Amino acid sequence: MGTTIEIDADLYERLQGHCEEGESIEEFIEELVTMYETDGAFMQEGYSE
């Protein structure tokens, strides 16, 4: 059984803009969490330590 979370309409639209065609918000968030767990942080283009 899944858990339901509420997000505002603006965040939903932003997430939709990052999803690939046919990808759900849930799949996109799962991919983000997997990346975070693997790398320990989100990497941004042009970012350097």
PDB file of N, CA and C in Angstrom:
ATOM      1  N   MET A   1       0.847  -1.170   0.000  1.00  0.00           N
ATOM      2  CA  MET A   1       0.000   0.000   0.000  1.00  0.00           C
ATOM      3  C   MET A   1       0.897   1.240   0.000  1.00  0.00           C
ATOM      4  N   GLY A   2       0.574   2.205  -0.820  1.00  0.00           N
ATOM      5  CA  GLY A   2       1.357   3.428  -0.937  1.00  0.00           C
ATOM      6  C   GLY A   2       0.925   4.484   0.055  1.00  0.00           C
ATOM      7  N   THR A   3       1.727   5.518   0.117  1.00  0.00           N
ATOM      8  CA  THR A   3       1.440   6.670   0.960  1.00  0.00           C
ATOM      9  C   THR A   3       1.092   7.841   0.063  1.00  0.00           C
ATOM     10  N   THR A   4       0.125   8.612   0.447  1.00  0.00           N
ATOM     11  CA  THR A   4      -0.290   9.778  -0.326  1.00  0.00           C
ATOM     12  C   THR A   4       0.329  11.027   0.277  1.00  0.00           C
ATOM     13  N   ILE A   5       0.918  11.848  -0.576  1.00  0.00           N
ATOM     14  CA  ILE A   5       1.415  13.155  -0.137  1.00  0.00           C
ATOM     15  C   ILE A   5       0.727  14.227  -0.970  1.00  0.00           C
ATOM     16  N   GLU A   6       0.609  15.401  -0.393  1.00  0.00           N
ATOM     17  CA  GLU A   6       0.010  16.514  -1.111  1.00  0.00           C
ATOM     18  C   GLU A   6       1.097  17.511  -1.468  1.00  0.00           C
ATOM     19  N   ILE A   7       1.077  17.978  -2.713  1.00  0.00           N
ATOM     20  CA  ILE A   7       1.988  19.026  -3.153  1.00  0.00           C
ATOM     21  C   ILE A   7       1.157  20.113  -3.819  1.00  0.00           C
ATOM     22  N   ASP A   8       1.653  21.340  -3.776  1.00  0.00           N
ATOM     23  CA  ASP A   8       0.864  22.404  -4.372  1.00  0.00           C
ATOM     24  C   ASP A   8       0.945  22.331  -5.903  1.00  0.00           C
ATOM     25  N   ALA A   9       0.042  23.016  -6.553  1.00  0.00           N
ATOM     26  CA  ALA A   9      -0.082  22.955  -8.011  1.00  0.00           C
ATOM     27  C   ALA A   9       1.188  23.429  -8.719  1.00  0.00           C
ATOM     28  N   ASP A  10       1.845  24.444  -8.175  1.00  0.00           N
ATOM     29  CA  ASP A  10       3.068  24.957  -8.807  1.00  0.00           C
ATOM     30  C   ASP A  10       4.177  23.903  -8.804  1.00  0.00           C
ATOM     31  N   LEU A  11       4.365  23.219  -7.679  1.00  0.00           N
ATOM     32  CA  LEU A  11       5.385  22.178  -7.602  1.00  0.00           C
ATOM     33  C   LEU A  11       5.031  21.020  -8.527  1.00  0.00           C
ATOM     34  N   TYR A  12       3.757  20.669  -8.588  1.00  0.00           N
ATOM     35  CA  TYR A  12       3.316  19.599  -9.481  1.00  0.00           C
ATOM     36  C   TYR A  12       3.670  19.941 -10.932  1.00  0.00           C
ATOM     37  N   GLU A  13       3.400  21.157 -11.344  1.00  0.00           N
ATOM     38  CA  GLU A  13       3.712  21.587 -12.711  1.00  0.00           C
ATOM     39  C   GLU A  13       5.225  21.557 -12.957  1.00  0.00           C
ATOM     40  N   ARG A  14       6.010  21.971 -11.978  1.00  0.00           N
ATOM     41  CA  ARG A  14       7.471  21.926 -12.118  1.00  0.00           C
ATOM     42  C   ARG A  14       7.951  20.490 -12.280  1.00  0.00           C
ATOM     43  N   LEU A  15       7.416  19.585 -11.473  1.00  0.00           N
ATOM     44  CA  LEU A  15       7.791  18.177 -11.585  1.00  0.00           C
ATOM     45  C   LEU A  15       7.391  17.613 -12.941  1.00  0.00           C
ATOM     46  N   GLN A  16       6.196  17.931 -13.395  1.00  0.00           N
ATOM     47  CA  GLN A  16       5.739  17.480 -14.708  1.00  0.00           C
ATOM     48  C   GLN A  16       6.691  17.929 -15.807  1.00  0.00           C
ATOM     49  N   GLY A  17       7.235  19.130 -15.669  1.00  0.00           N
ATOM     50  CA  GLY A  17       8.148  19.670 -16.664  1.00  0.00           C
ATOM     51  C   GLY A  17       9.465  18.911 -16.750  1.00  0.00           C
ATOM     52  N   HIS A  18       9.806  18.168 -15.703  1.00  0.00           N
ATOM     53  CA  HIS A  18      11.058  17.409 -15.684  1.00  0.00           C
ATOM     54  C   HIS A  18      10.871  15.941 -16.066  1.00  0.00           C
ATOM     55  N   CYS A  19       9.646  15.486 -16.084  1.00  0.00           N
ATOM     56  CA  CYS A  19       9.373  14.087 -16.424  1.00  0.00           C
ATOM     57  C   CYS A  19       9.561  13.858 -17.921  1.00  0.00           C
ATOM     58  N   GLU A  20      10.088  12.685 -18.233  1.00  0.00           N
ATOM     59  CA  GLU A  20      10.176  12.283 -19.628  1.00  0.00           C
ATOM     60  C   GLU A  20       8.789  11.853 -20.087  1.00  0.00           C
ATOM     61  N   GLU A  21       8.586  11.818 -21.389  1.00  0.00           N
ATOM     62  CA  GLU A  21       7.285  11.438 -21.924  1.00  0.00           C
ATOM     63  C   GLU A  21       6.888  10.056 -21.406  1.00  0.00           C
ATOM     64  N   GLY A  22       5.692   9.965 -20.851  1.00  0.00           N
ATOM     65  CA  GLY A  22       5.194   8.702 -20.325  1.00  0.00           C
ATOM     66  C   GLY A  22       5.628   8.388 -18.906  1.00  0.00           C
ATOM     67  N   GLU A  23       6.493   9.223 -18.330  1.00  0.00           N
ATOM     68  CA  GLU A  23       6.983   9.001 -16.964  1.00  0.00           C
ATOM     69  C   GLU A  23       6.040   9.680 -15.975  1.00  0.00           C
ATOM     70  N   SER A  24       5.708   8.977 -14.897  1.00  0.00           N
ATOM     71  CA  SER A  24       4.834   9.552 -13.875  1.00  0.00           C
ATOM     72  C   SER A  24       5.655  10.356 -12.870  1.00  0.00           C
ATOM     73  N   ILE A  25       4.960  11.190 -12.116  1.00  0.00           N
ATOM     74  CA  ILE A  25       5.602  11.957 -11.040  1.00  0.00           C
ATOM     75  C   ILE A  25       6.256  10.982 -10.048  1.00  0.00           C
ATOM     76  N   GLU A  26       5.562   9.895  -9.731  1.00  0.00           N
ATOM     77  CA  GLU A  26       6.086   8.908  -8.789  1.00  0.00           C
ATOM     78  C   GLU A  26       7.392   8.309  -9.290  1.00  0.00           C
ATOM     79  N   GLU A  27       7.439   7.975 -10.575  1.00  0.00           N
ATOM     80  CA  GLU A  27       8.660   7.411 -11.153  1.00  0.00           C
ATOM     81  C   GLU A  27       9.800   8.421 -11.120  1.00  0.00           C
ATOM     82  N   PHE A  28       9.481   9.681 -11.410  1.00  0.00           N
ATOM     83  CA  PHE A  28      10.495  10.725 -11.392  1.00  0.00           C
ATOM     84  C   PHE A  28      11.057  10.909  -9.986  1.00  0.00           C
ATOM     85  N   ILE A  29      10.189  10.957  -8.991  1.00  0.00           N
ATOM     86  CA  ILE A  29      10.637  11.122  -7.604  1.00  0.00           C
ATOM     87  C   ILE A  29      11.463   9.918  -7.168  1.00  0.00           C
ATOM     88  N   GLU A  30      11.045   8.717  -7.550  1.00  0.00           N
ATOM     89  CA  GLU A  30      11.818   7.517  -7.216  1.00  0.00           C
ATOM     90  C   GLU A  30      13.219   7.598  -7.810  1.00  0.00           C
ATOM     91  N   GLU A  31      13.328   8.080  -9.048  1.00  0.00           N
ATOM     92  CA  GLU A  31      14.638   8.239  -9.685  1.00  0.00           C
ATOM     93  C   GLU A  31      15.493   9.257  -8.926  1.00  0.00           C
ATOM     94  N   LEU A  32      14.895  10.365  -8.507  1.00  0.00           N
ATOM     95  CA  LEU A  32      15.632  11.373  -7.735  1.00  0.00           C
ATOM     96  C   LEU A  32      16.154  10.801  -6.422  1.00  0.00           C
ATOM     97  N   VAL A  33      15.305  10.062  -5.719  1.00  0.00           N
ATOM     98  CA  VAL A  33      15.711   9.485  -4.436  1.00  0.00           C
ATOM     99  C   VAL A  33      16.832   8.470  -4.647  1.00  0.00           C
ATOM    100  N   THR A  34      16.726   7.666  -5.684  1.00  0.00           N
ATOM    101  CA  THR A  34      17.777   6.686  -5.987  1.00  0.00           C
ATOM    102  C   THR A  34      19.095   7.389  -6.273  1.00  0.00           C
ATOM    103  N   MET A  35      19.053   8.469  -7.053  1.00  0.00           N
ATOM    104  CA  MET A  35      20.265   9.234  -7.338  1.00  0.00           C
ATOM    105  C   MET A  35      20.855   9.789  -6.045  1.00  0.00           C
ATOM    106  N   TYR A  36      20.019  10.315  -5.184  1.00  0.00           N
ATOM    107  CA  TYR A  36      20.491  10.886  -3.924  1.00  0.00           C
ATOM    108  C   TYR A  36      21.126   9.809  -3.042  1.00  0.00           C
ATOM    109  N   GLU A  37      20.485   8.646  -2.960  1.00  0.00           N
ATOM    110  CA  GLU A  37      21.016   7.560  -2.137  1.00  0.00           C
ATOM    111  C   GLU A  37      22.342   7.041  -2.682  1.00  0.00           C
ATOM    112  N   THR A  38      22.477   7.014  -3.995  1.00  0.00           N
ATOM    113  CA  THR A  38      23.688   6.507  -4.629  1.00  0.00           C
ATOM    114  C   THR A  38      24.843   7.493  -4.509  1.00  0.00           C
ATOM    115  N   ASP A  39      24.577   8.761  -4.811  1.00  0.00           N
ATOM    116  CA  ASP A  39      25.629   9.773  -4.866  1.00  0.00           C
ATOM    117  C   ASP A  39      25.781  10.555  -3.570  1.00  0.00           C
ATOM    118  N   GLY A  40      24.793  10.499  -2.700  1.00  0.00           N
ATOM    119  CA  GLY A  40      24.855  11.236  -1.454  1.00  0.00           C
ATOM    120  C   GLY A  40      24.438  12.682  -1.579  1.00  0.00           C
ATOM    121  N   ALA A  41      24.259  13.164  -2.773  1.00  0.00           N
ATOM    122  CA  ALA A  41      23.820  14.540  -2.991  1.00  0.00           C
ATOM    123  C   ALA A  41      23.413  14.681  -4.441  1.00  0.00           C
ATOM    124  N   PHE A  42      22.608  15.679  -4.711  1.00  0.00           N
ATOM    125  CA  PHE A  42      22.253  15.977  -6.087  1.00  0.00           C
ATOM    126  C   PHE A  42      23.355  16.815  -6.708  1.00  0.00           C
ATOM    127  N   MET A  43      23.739  16.466  -7.893  1.00  0.00           N
ATOM    128  CA  MET A  43      24.774  17.228  -8.602  1.00  0.00           C
ATOM    129  C   MET A  43      24.098  18.163  -9.603  1.00  0.00           C
ATOM    130  N   GLN A  44      24.617  19.362  -9.720  1.00  0.00           N
ATOM    131  CA  GLN A  44      24.086  20.328 -10.674  1.00  0.00           C
ATOM    132  C   GLN A  44      25.166  20.632 -11.696  1.00  0.00           C
ATOM    133  N   GLU A  45      24.737  20.906 -12.919  1.00  0.00           N
ATOM    134  CA  GLU A  45      25.696  21.267 -13.954  1.00  0.00           C
ATOM    135  C   GLU A  45      26.438  22.521 -13.522  1.00  0.00           C
ATOM    136  N   GLY A  46      27.742  22.506 -13.722  1.00  0.00           N
ATOM    137  CA  GLY A  46      28.543  23.678 -13.396  1.00  0.00           C
ATOM    138  C   GLY A  46      28.927  23.799 -11.932  1.00  0.00           C
ATOM    139  N   TYR A  47      28.476  22.848 -11.112  1.00  0.00           N
ATOM    140  CA  TYR A  47      28.788  22.899  -9.686  1.00  0.00           C
ATOM    141  C   TYR A  47      30.124  22.224  -9.427  1.00  0.00           C
ATOM    142  N   SER A  48      30.941  22.861  -8.638  1.00  0.00           N
ATOM    143  CA  SER A  48      32.203  22.224  -8.235  1.00  0.00           C
ATOM    144  C   SER A  48      32.456  22.537  -6.776  1.00  0.00           C
ATOM    145  N   GLU A  49      33.135  21.638  -6.111  1.00  0.00           N
ATOM    146  CA  GLU A  49      33.433  21.828  -4.682  1.00  0.00           C
ATOM    147  C   GLU A  49      34.754  22.527  -4.505  1.00  0.00           C
TER     148      GLU A  49
END
